[in-house]
């Protein structure tokens, strides 16, 4: 995947499907600030693939004793 692919904008539904989360869970994460970075284009919410990849990377753990974000 090249850098242009990482800048592709996804809808909330597409981002949720990629992360295997519900759209409602994505909405909750946005509301409390615990989810991936997003872009608000007026009322439209979009996610960059690179921000979703960063979110997944930050969530990676090796042990249950590691602190969560």
N, C-alpha and C. Protein backbone atom coordinates (compact mmCIF):
# COMPACT_ATOMS: atom_id res chain seq x y z
N UNK A 1 0.85 -1.17 0.00
CA UNK A 1 0.00 0.00 0.00
C UNK A 1 0.89 1.23 0.00
N UNK A 2 0.69 2.11 -0.97
CA UNK A 2 1.51 3.32 -1.00
C UNK A 2 0.83 4.45 -0.21
N UNK A 3 1.53 5.58 -0.11
CA UNK A 3 1.04 6.70 0.71
C UNK A 3 -0.30 7.23 0.24
N UNK A 4 -0.56 7.17 -1.08
CA UNK A 4 -1.85 7.66 -1.57
C UNK A 4 -2.99 6.81 -1.03
N UNK A 5 -2.78 5.50 -0.92
CA UNK A 5 -3.80 4.62 -0.35
C UNK A 5 -4.06 4.97 1.12
N UNK A 6 -3.02 5.34 1.84
CA UNK A 6 -3.15 5.67 3.25
C UNK A 6 -3.94 6.96 3.46
N UNK A 7 -3.98 7.81 2.45
CA UNK A 7 -4.73 9.07 2.56
C UNK A 7 -6.16 8.94 2.06
N UNK A 8 -6.55 7.76 1.60
CA UNK A 8 -7.91 7.54 1.14
C UNK A 8 -8.89 7.81 2.28
N UNK A 9 -9.96 8.54 1.97
CA UNK A 9 -10.98 8.84 2.97
C UNK A 9 -12.06 7.76 2.96
N UNK A 10 -12.42 7.29 4.14
CA UNK A 10 -13.45 6.27 4.29
C UNK A 10 -14.63 6.86 5.06
N UNK A 11 -15.82 6.37 4.76
CA UNK A 11 -17.00 6.76 5.53
C UNK A 11 -16.93 6.08 6.89
N UNK A 12 -17.80 6.50 7.79
CA UNK A 12 -17.87 5.85 9.10
C UNK A 12 -18.21 4.38 8.97
N UNK A 13 -19.10 4.04 8.07
CA UNK A 13 -19.49 2.64 7.84
C UNK A 13 -18.30 1.82 7.34
N UNK A 14 -17.54 2.39 6.39
CA UNK A 14 -16.37 1.69 5.85
C UNK A 14 -15.29 1.52 6.92
N UNK A 15 -15.06 2.57 7.70
CA UNK A 15 -14.06 2.49 8.76
C UNK A 15 -14.46 1.48 9.82
N UNK A 16 -15.72 1.48 10.20
CA UNK A 16 -16.21 0.52 11.20
C UNK A 16 -16.05 -0.90 10.68
N UNK A 17 -16.37 -1.13 9.42
CA UNK A 17 -16.24 -2.47 8.84
C UNK A 17 -14.77 -2.89 8.81
N UNK A 18 -13.88 -1.98 8.48
CA UNK A 18 -12.45 -2.29 8.44
C UNK A 18 -11.93 -2.68 9.82
N UNK A 19 -12.42 -1.99 10.85
CA UNK A 19 -11.99 -2.28 12.22
C UNK A 19 -12.83 -3.38 12.88
N UNK A 20 -13.86 -3.82 12.16
CA UNK A 20 -14.79 -4.84 12.68
C UNK A 20 -15.47 -4.37 13.96
N UNK A 21 -15.89 -3.10 13.93
CA UNK A 21 -16.65 -2.49 15.01
C UNK A 21 -17.99 -2.03 14.45
N UNK A 22 -18.93 -1.75 15.32
CA UNK A 22 -20.21 -1.21 14.85
C UNK A 22 -20.06 0.29 14.60
N UNK A 23 -20.94 0.82 13.77
CA UNK A 23 -20.93 2.26 13.53
C UNK A 23 -21.23 3.01 14.83
N UNK A 24 -22.10 2.45 15.64
CA UNK A 24 -22.45 3.07 16.93
C UNK A 24 -21.22 3.14 17.85
N UNK A 25 -20.41 2.10 17.85
CA UNK A 25 -19.19 2.11 18.65
C UNK A 25 -18.24 3.20 18.17
N UNK A 26 -18.14 3.36 16.87
CA UNK A 26 -17.30 4.43 16.31
C UNK A 26 -17.83 5.80 16.75
N UNK A 27 -19.15 5.96 16.75
CA UNK A 27 -19.75 7.23 17.19
C UNK A 27 -19.42 7.50 18.65
N UNK A 28 -19.52 6.47 19.48
CA UNK A 28 -19.20 6.64 20.91
C UNK A 28 -17.74 7.03 21.10
N UNK A 29 -16.86 6.37 20.36
CA UNK A 29 -15.43 6.71 20.45
C UNK A 29 -15.18 8.16 20.05
N UNK A 30 -15.87 8.63 19.02
CA UNK A 30 -15.73 10.04 18.62
C UNK A 30 -16.20 10.97 19.73
N UNK A 31 -17.32 10.63 20.34
CA UNK A 31 -17.91 11.49 21.37
C UNK A 31 -17.02 11.65 22.58
N UNK A 32 -16.33 10.59 22.97
CA UNK A 32 -15.49 10.65 24.17
C UNK A 32 -14.01 10.81 23.86
N UNK A 33 -13.66 10.80 22.59
CA UNK A 33 -12.27 11.04 22.20
C UNK A 33 -11.35 9.85 22.34
N UNK A 34 -11.89 8.63 22.31
CA UNK A 34 -11.05 7.44 22.47
C UNK A 34 -10.80 6.70 21.16
N UNK A 35 -11.37 7.16 20.10
CA UNK A 35 -11.27 6.46 18.82
C UNK A 35 -10.17 7.02 17.94
N UNK A 36 -10.17 6.57 16.69
CA UNK A 36 -9.18 7.08 15.74
C UNK A 36 -9.47 8.52 15.37
N UNK A 37 -8.44 9.22 14.91
CA UNK A 37 -8.63 10.58 14.41
C UNK A 37 -9.62 10.53 13.26
N UNK A 38 -10.38 11.59 13.10
CA UNK A 38 -11.35 11.67 12.02
C UNK A 38 -11.37 13.07 11.44
N UNK A 39 -12.01 13.20 10.31
CA UNK A 39 -12.13 14.48 9.63
C UNK A 39 -13.61 14.81 9.52
N UNK A 40 -13.99 16.02 9.92
CA UNK A 40 -15.37 16.48 9.78
C UNK A 40 -15.43 17.44 8.60
N UNK A 41 -16.14 17.02 7.58
CA UNK A 41 -16.35 17.85 6.39
C UNK A 41 -17.81 18.30 6.42
N UNK A 42 -18.03 19.41 7.09
CA UNK A 42 -19.41 19.80 7.35
C UNK A 42 -19.99 18.78 8.33
N UNK A 43 -21.08 18.16 7.94
CA UNK A 43 -21.69 17.12 8.77
C UNK A 43 -21.17 15.73 8.45
N UNK A 44 -20.41 15.62 7.37
CA UNK A 44 -19.88 14.31 6.96
C UNK A 44 -18.60 13.98 7.74
N UNK A 45 -18.55 12.78 8.28
CA UNK A 45 -17.38 12.30 9.01
C UNK A 45 -16.62 11.34 8.10
N UNK A 46 -15.32 11.54 8.02
CA UNK A 46 -14.47 10.66 7.22
C UNK A 46 -13.24 10.28 8.03
N UNK A 47 -12.69 9.12 7.70
CA UNK A 47 -11.48 8.60 8.34
C UNK A 47 -10.44 8.32 7.28
N UNK A 48 -9.20 8.72 7.55
CA UNK A 48 -8.09 8.35 6.66
C UNK A 48 -7.61 6.96 7.05
N UNK A 49 -7.25 6.17 6.06
CA UNK A 49 -6.71 4.83 6.34
C UNK A 49 -5.51 4.90 7.26
N UNK A 50 -4.66 5.90 7.07
CA UNK A 50 -3.45 6.01 7.91
C UNK A 50 -3.82 6.24 9.38
N UNK A 51 -4.88 7.00 9.65
CA UNK A 51 -5.31 7.23 11.03
C UNK A 51 -5.89 5.96 11.65
N UNK A 52 -6.57 5.16 10.84
CA UNK A 52 -7.09 3.89 11.35
C UNK A 52 -5.94 2.94 11.66
N UNK A 53 -4.93 2.91 10.79
CA UNK A 53 -3.76 2.05 11.03
C UNK A 53 -3.02 2.50 12.29
N UNK A 54 -2.88 3.81 12.48
CA UNK A 54 -2.22 4.34 13.69
C UNK A 54 -3.01 3.97 14.94
N UNK A 55 -4.32 4.05 14.86
CA UNK A 55 -5.20 3.71 15.98
C UNK A 55 -5.01 2.24 16.39
N UNK A 56 -4.98 1.37 15.39
CA UNK A 56 -4.79 -0.05 15.67
C UNK A 56 -3.40 -0.29 16.27
N UNK A 57 -2.40 0.38 15.74
CA UNK A 57 -1.03 0.21 16.25
C UNK A 57 -0.94 0.67 17.71
N UNK A 58 -1.57 1.79 18.05
CA UNK A 58 -1.54 2.29 19.43
C UNK A 58 -2.29 1.36 20.39
N UNK A 59 -3.24 0.61 19.87
CA UNK A 59 -4.03 -0.29 20.71
C UNK A 59 -3.34 -1.65 20.93
N UNK A 60 -2.27 -1.91 20.21
CA UNK A 60 -1.58 -3.21 20.31
C UNK A 60 -0.93 -3.36 21.68
N UNK A 61 -1.11 -4.53 22.26
CA UNK A 61 -0.56 -4.84 23.60
C UNK A 61 0.12 -6.21 23.54
N UNK A 62 1.06 -6.42 24.44
CA UNK A 62 1.71 -7.71 24.57
C UNK A 62 1.29 -8.43 25.82
N UNK A 63 0.69 -7.72 26.76
CA UNK A 63 0.33 -8.30 28.03
C UNK A 63 -0.93 -7.64 28.58
N UNK A 64 -1.72 -8.38 29.32
CA UNK A 64 -2.92 -7.78 29.93
C UNK A 64 -2.55 -6.81 31.04
N UNK A 65 -1.31 -6.82 31.48
CA UNK A 65 -0.89 -5.90 32.55
C UNK A 65 -0.49 -4.53 32.01
N UNK A 66 -0.40 -4.38 30.69
CA UNK A 66 -0.04 -3.07 30.11
C UNK A 66 -1.21 -2.11 30.28
N UNK A 67 -0.88 -0.86 30.52
CA UNK A 67 -1.91 0.17 30.67
C UNK A 67 -2.59 0.43 29.34
N UNK A 68 -3.87 0.72 29.40
CA UNK A 68 -4.60 1.09 28.19
C UNK A 68 -4.63 2.59 28.08
N UNK A 69 -4.93 3.08 26.88
CA UNK A 69 -4.95 4.53 26.64
C UNK A 69 -6.26 5.11 27.06
